[in-house]
Amino acid sequence: MPEHEPEQELGPKIADAFQRRAAAAAGPRGSALAAEARRRVRKRRQGMTMAAAAVVVAAAIGGVWNAIGDPSPIASSTSDSSAEQGSSGTGSGRTSPGLVPPQTESGPACPADHVIQSPGGASAVPRGTGLDLETQVFGLEACRYRLTPDAPMLLGQHSLNAGIAQQVVDAIKVLPERNPDLPVFKCTPQLAQAKEAIVLRFDTSAGVKEIWVQYDGCDTPGFFTGSRTYGLYAAPLKLFMIGSTRPTGSTYLNALEGW
């Protein structure tokens, strides 16, 4: 509490002095002195009240400011927020047990050497490699290979995000076993050999799973999952035959419209 100040009693003392003088004096002058004493006391009390109120307000503001503290920094852009996520939590690329992997903008990369380049070609997907079309996919890498025995190589590749990858799967799984609008050839062993094919490598919670796409040569064209064949139609092809994964033409693509 503030120390008692003698001048705080000045008002009452003045009032008492004027009251005594007023009592000693008769008539209008005594009444005027009494009124003046009351006015000065009121003015003094009003000044003290306003000063006390100012102190209370200042203390309240200071307490609120101390409780709030300094303003917290705010991220200036979404990139700042993304960078923070990349250093911790889900942004680290790891997933918690029981959660599916996050959607990615690209699937597993294309290997330079692939079993599709072997003499068996696209007609035999290795056991356990094919994609079950009911499996959820999180990304896709379309890989286009040249299959000629003298110079097999990776011709092109293109990354597709989870949304497009799922569209590709959904477009394939409704297809019949073959497209009756495509020609049927009498194949000699030499003509049966395809010059190129595409491997669709899907990112799944069980690892990389593949669909092999055959559109060249004169063997049955279509999508091979290892357990089932789906006919060659344009709807899935136009989703991933883009950029360097788009052929200029082939035995069956030349007869297929809309790809």
Protein backbone atom coordinates (compact mmCIF):
# COMPACT_ATOMS: atom_id res chain seq x y z
CA MET A 1 0.00 0.00 0.00
CA PRO A 2 1.26 3.58 -0.67
CA GLU A 3 2.58 5.51 2.30
CA HIS A 4 0.23 7.98 4.01
CA GLU A 5 0.92 11.51 2.76
CA PRO A 6 0.20 14.49 5.05
CA GLU A 7 -1.14 16.55 2.16
CA GLN A 8 -3.98 14.07 1.73
CA GLU A 9 -5.47 15.60 4.90
CA LEU A 10 -5.31 19.12 3.45
CA GLY A 11 -8.87 19.02 2.21
CA PRO A 12 -10.50 18.14 5.55
CA LYS A 13 -8.28 20.69 7.38
CA ILE A 14 -9.29 23.46 5.00
CA ALA A 15 -12.91 22.44 5.40
CA ASP A 16 -12.62 22.58 9.19
CA ALA A 17 -10.91 25.97 9.09
CA PHE A 18 -13.59 27.43 6.86
CA GLN A 19 -16.33 25.90 8.98
CA ARG A 20 -14.84 27.47 12.12
CA ARG A 21 -14.54 30.84 10.40
CA ALA A 22 -18.05 30.50 9.11
CA ALA A 23 -19.34 29.75 12.59
CA ALA A 24 -17.50 32.79 13.98
CA ALA A 25 -18.75 35.07 11.28
CA ALA A 26 -22.38 35.86 10.82
CA GLY A 27 -24.34 36.61 7.68
CA PRO A 28 -23.75 35.94 3.98
CA ARG A 29 -19.95 35.93 4.22
CA GLY A 30 -20.05 32.91 6.54
CA SER A 31 -22.29 30.99 4.13
CA ALA A 32 -19.97 31.77 1.20
CA LEU A 33 -16.92 30.49 3.07
CA ALA A 34 -18.70 27.24 3.96
CA ALA A 35 -19.69 26.68 0.33
CA GLU A 36 -16.13 27.34 -0.84
CA ALA A 37 -14.82 24.77 1.64
CA ARG A 38 -17.21 22.12 0.37
CA ARG A 39 -16.24 22.85 -3.27
CA ARG A 40 -12.52 22.47 -2.58
CA VAL A 41 -13.05 19.19 -0.72
CA ARG A 42 -15.07 17.75 -3.61
CA LYS A 43 -12.42 18.83 -6.14
CA ARG A 44 -9.65 17.25 -4.05
CA ARG A 45 -11.54 13.98 -3.73
CA GLN A 46 -12.29 13.86 -7.47
CA GLY A 47 -8.59 14.31 -8.26
CA MET A 48 -7.58 11.50 -5.91
CA THR A 49 -10.27 9.17 -7.36
CA MET A 50 -9.13 9.75 -10.96
CA ALA A 51 -5.49 9.12 -10.05
CA ALA A 52 -6.37 5.84 -8.32
CA ALA A 53 -8.44 4.69 -11.33
CA ALA A 54 -5.53 5.37 -13.68
CA VAL A 55 -3.23 3.24 -11.55
CA VAL A 56 -5.75 0.35 -11.57
CA VAL A 57 -6.14 0.48 -15.38
CA ALA A 58 -2.38 0.54 -15.94
CA ALA A 59 -1.89 -2.43 -13.64
CA ALA A 60 -4.66 -4.36 -15.40
CA ILE A 61 -3.16 -3.71 -18.85
CA GLY A 62 0.27 -4.75 -17.68
CA GLY A 63 -1.09 -7.98 -16.24
CA VAL A 64 -2.91 -8.90 -19.45
CA TRP A 65 0.17 -8.18 -21.57
CA ASN A 66 2.35 -10.34 -19.33
CA ALA A 67 -0.21 -13.17 -19.50
CA ILE A 68 -0.36 -13.02 -23.31
CA GLY A 69 3.37 -12.63 -23.86
CA ASP A 70 5.08 -11.66 -27.08
CA PRO A 71 3.22 -12.30 -30.35
CA SER A 72 3.92 -15.75 -31.81
CA PRO A 73 5.54 -15.93 -35.28
CA ILE A 74 3.12 -16.78 -38.11
CA ALA A 75 4.14 -18.75 -41.19
CA SER A 76 4.43 -16.36 -44.12
CA SER A 77 3.46 -18.91 -46.76
CA THR A 78 2.28 -22.45 -47.31
CA SER A 79 5.84 -23.37 -48.25
CA ASP A 80 6.96 -22.51 -44.72
CA SER A 81 4.30 -24.83 -43.35
CA SER A 82 5.29 -27.56 -45.78
CA ALA A 83 8.94 -27.23 -44.87
CA GLU A 84 8.09 -27.62 -41.19
CA GLN A 85 6.10 -30.78 -41.96
CA GLY A 86 9.00 -32.12 -43.97
CA SER A 87 11.24 -32.02 -40.91
CA SER A 88 8.86 -33.81 -38.54
CA GLY A 89 5.64 -35.81 -38.29
CA THR A 90 3.99 -37.18 -41.40
CA GLY A 91 6.20 -35.04 -43.63
CA SER A 92 9.14 -37.33 -42.90
CA GLY A 93 7.81 -39.93 -45.33
CA ARG A 94 7.14 -42.51 -42.59
CA THR A 95 3.67 -43.69 -41.72
CA SER A 96 2.32 -44.79 -38.37
CA PRO A 97 1.43 -48.45 -37.90
CA GLY A 98 -2.01 -49.26 -39.27
CA LEU A 99 -2.12 -46.27 -41.65
CA VAL A 100 -1.98 -46.49 -45.43
CA PRO A 101 0.94 -44.74 -47.14
CA PRO A 102 0.29 -41.10 -48.10
CA GLN A 103 -0.59 -40.22 -51.68
CA THR A 104 2.50 -39.43 -53.69
CA GLU A 105 3.03 -37.46 -56.86
CA SER A 106 5.11 -40.21 -58.46
CA GLY A 107 5.28 -43.96 -58.32
CA PRO A 108 8.31 -46.27 -58.08
CA ALA A 109 11.04 -45.47 -60.59
CA CYS A 110 11.54 -47.53 -63.74
CA PRO A 111 14.47 -49.97 -63.68
CA ALA A 112 16.78 -49.76 -66.68
CA ASP A 113 16.70 -53.56 -67.04
CA HIS A 114 13.36 -55.32 -66.64
CA VAL A 115 12.25 -58.92 -67.01
CA ILE A 116 9.83 -57.82 -69.73
CA GLN A 117 12.89 -57.50 -71.98
CA SER A 118 13.55 -61.23 -71.68
CA PRO A 119 12.52 -63.65 -74.47
CA GLY A 120 9.21 -64.37 -72.69
CA GLY A 121 8.21 -60.76 -73.20
CA ALA A 122 4.94 -59.30 -72.00
CA SER A 123 3.07 -62.58 -72.15
CA ALA A 124 4.30 -63.85 -68.77
CA VAL A 125 4.18 -61.68 -65.66
CA PRO A 126 6.31 -63.28 -62.90
CA ARG A 127 4.34 -64.81 -60.03
CA GLY A 128 3.57 -62.35 -57.26
CA THR A 129 4.39 -59.34 -59.45
CA GLY A 130 0.94 -58.59 -60.86
CA LEU A 131 -1.48 -56.09 -59.37
CA ASP A 132 -4.74 -57.23 -57.83
CA LEU A 133 -7.10 -54.61 -59.25
CA GLU A 134 -8.95 -54.33 -55.93
CA THR A 135 -5.77 -53.10 -54.22
CA GLN A 136 -5.50 -49.41 -53.31
CA VAL A 137 -2.72 -47.66 -55.21
CA PHE A 138 -0.72 -44.60 -54.18
CA GLY A 139 1.18 -43.71 -57.32
CA LEU A 140 2.27 -45.03 -60.70
CA GLU A 141 5.33 -45.00 -62.91
CA ALA A 142 4.64 -45.85 -66.55
CA CYS A 143 7.77 -47.43 -68.11
CA ARG A 144 8.08 -47.92 -71.86
CA TYR A 145 10.65 -50.53 -72.99
CA ARG A 146 12.11 -51.56 -76.30
CA LEU A 147 12.07 -55.37 -76.46
CA THR A 148 14.21 -56.15 -79.50
CA PRO A 149 16.87 -58.71 -78.45
CA ASP A 150 19.76 -56.83 -80.03
CA ALA A 151 19.14 -53.53 -78.21
CA PRO A 152 16.62 -53.70 -75.33
CA MET A 153 16.35 -50.47 -73.38
CA LEU A 154 14.13 -48.12 -71.40
CA LEU A 155 12.56 -45.75 -73.93
CA GLY A 156 10.64 -43.47 -71.62
CA GLN A 157 8.92 -43.06 -68.28
CA HIS A 158 6.26 -40.86 -66.73
CA SER A 159 5.14 -40.37 -63.12
CA LEU A 160 1.45 -40.25 -62.24
CA ASN A 161 -0.06 -39.34 -58.88
CA ALA A 162 -2.39 -41.47 -56.78
CA GLY A 163 -5.55 -40.04 -58.34
CA ILE A 164 -4.53 -40.85 -61.92
CA ALA A 165 -3.10 -44.22 -60.88
CA GLN A 166 -6.48 -45.17 -59.42
CA GLN A 167 -8.23 -44.01 -62.58
CA VAL A 168 -6.00 -46.32 -64.63
CA VAL A 169 -6.87 -49.29 -62.41
CA ASP A 170 -10.59 -48.49 -62.50
CA ALA A 171 -10.53 -48.16 -66.29
CA ILE A 172 -8.82 -51.56 -66.73
CA LYS A 173 -10.85 -53.69 -64.32
CA VAL A 174 -14.14 -53.12 -66.18
CA LEU A 175 -12.73 -54.31 -69.52
CA PRO A 176 -13.58 -57.65 -71.16
CA GLU A 177 -10.92 -60.24 -71.89
CA ARG A 178 -10.37 -58.98 -75.42
CA ASN A 179 -11.40 -56.16 -77.73
CA PRO A 180 -13.35 -57.66 -80.64
CA ASP A 181 -12.76 -54.57 -82.78
CA LEU A 182 -9.04 -55.26 -83.06
CA PRO A 183 -7.70 -57.42 -85.92
CA VAL A 184 -6.62 -61.01 -85.43
CA PHE A 185 -3.38 -62.02 -87.11
CA LYS A 186 -1.87 -65.28 -88.18
CA CYS A 187 1.40 -65.01 -86.40
CA THR A 188 4.71 -66.51 -87.37
CA PRO A 189 7.23 -66.73 -84.53
CA GLN A 190 9.12 -63.79 -86.02
CA LEU A 191 6.06 -61.53 -86.31
CA ALA A 192 4.79 -62.50 -82.88
CA GLN A 193 7.70 -60.79 -81.20
CA ALA A 194 6.69 -57.31 -80.00
CA LYS A 195 9.14 -54.49 -80.51
CA GLU A 196 8.05 -52.65 -77.38
CA ALA A 197 5.70 -52.72 -74.39
CA ILE A 198 4.80 -50.67 -71.34
CA VAL A 199 5.03 -51.73 -67.70
CA LEU A 200 2.79 -49.96 -65.20
CA ARG A 201 4.51 -50.02 -61.80
CA PHE A 202 2.06 -49.20 -59.00
CA ASP A 203 3.01 -48.17 -55.49
CA THR A 204 0.90 -50.15 -52.97
CA SER A 205 1.03 -50.93 -49.25
CA ALA A 206 2.40 -54.38 -50.24
CA GLY A 207 5.18 -52.91 -52.38
CA VAL A 208 5.49 -52.41 -56.13
CA LYS A 209 2.91 -54.29 -58.21
CA GLU A 210 2.78 -54.29 -62.00
CA ILE A 211 0.51 -54.51 -65.03
CA TRP A 212 2.12 -55.29 -68.37
CA VAL A 213 0.67 -53.63 -71.46
CA GLN A 214 1.11 -55.33 -74.85
CA TYR A 215 0.12 -53.42 -77.99
CA ASP A 216 2.70 -54.56 -80.55
CA GLY A 217 3.58 -57.79 -82.36
CA CYS A 218 0.72 -60.09 -83.23
CA ASP A 219 0.10 -61.94 -79.97
CA THR A 220 -3.07 -61.13 -78.03
CA PRO A 221 -2.91 -57.44 -77.04
CA GLY A 222 -4.10 -56.21 -73.68
CA PHE A 223 -3.35 -55.66 -70.00
CA PHE A 224 -1.73 -58.59 -68.12
CA THR A 225 -1.84 -58.82 -64.33
CA GLY A 226 -0.32 -62.29 -64.00
CA SER A 227 -3.67 -63.85 -63.15
CA ARG A 228 -5.93 -62.31 -65.78
CA THR A 229 -5.88 -60.64 -69.18
CA TYR A 230 -7.94 -57.55 -70.00
CA GLY A 231 -8.51 -56.42 -73.58
CA LEU A 232 -6.70 -53.46 -75.13
CA TYR A 233 -8.93 -50.37 -75.09
CA ALA A 234 -8.21 -46.66 -75.43
CA ALA A 235 -9.68 -45.47 -72.10
CA PRO A 236 -6.80 -46.64 -69.90
CA LEU A 237 -4.12 -46.02 -72.55
CA LYS A 238 -4.75 -42.29 -72.90
CA LEU A 239 -4.23 -41.82 -69.15
CA PHE A 240 -0.57 -42.95 -69.20
CA MET A 241 0.53 -42.90 -72.86
CA ILE A 242 1.87 -39.36 -72.58
CA GLY A 243 5.25 -37.74 -73.04
CA SER A 244 8.05 -40.22 -73.57
CA THR A 245 5.74 -43.15 -72.78
CA ARG A 246 3.59 -42.50 -75.85
CA PRO A 247 4.42 -44.75 -78.85
CA THR A 248 4.28 -43.36 -82.37
CA GLY A 249 2.23 -46.39 -83.42
CA SER A 250 2.19 -50.19 -83.37
CA THR A 251 0.45 -53.24 -84.80
CA TYR A 252 -2.67 -52.79 -82.66
CA LEU A 253 -2.53 -49.10 -81.85
CA ASN A 254 -2.76 -48.34 -85.57
CA ALA A 255 -6.18 -50.07 -85.54
CA LEU A 256 -7.36 -48.57 -82.22
CA GLU A 257 -9.04 -45.18 -82.10
CA GLY A 258 -9.06 -42.66 -79.26
CA TRP A 259 -5.80 -43.50 -77.49
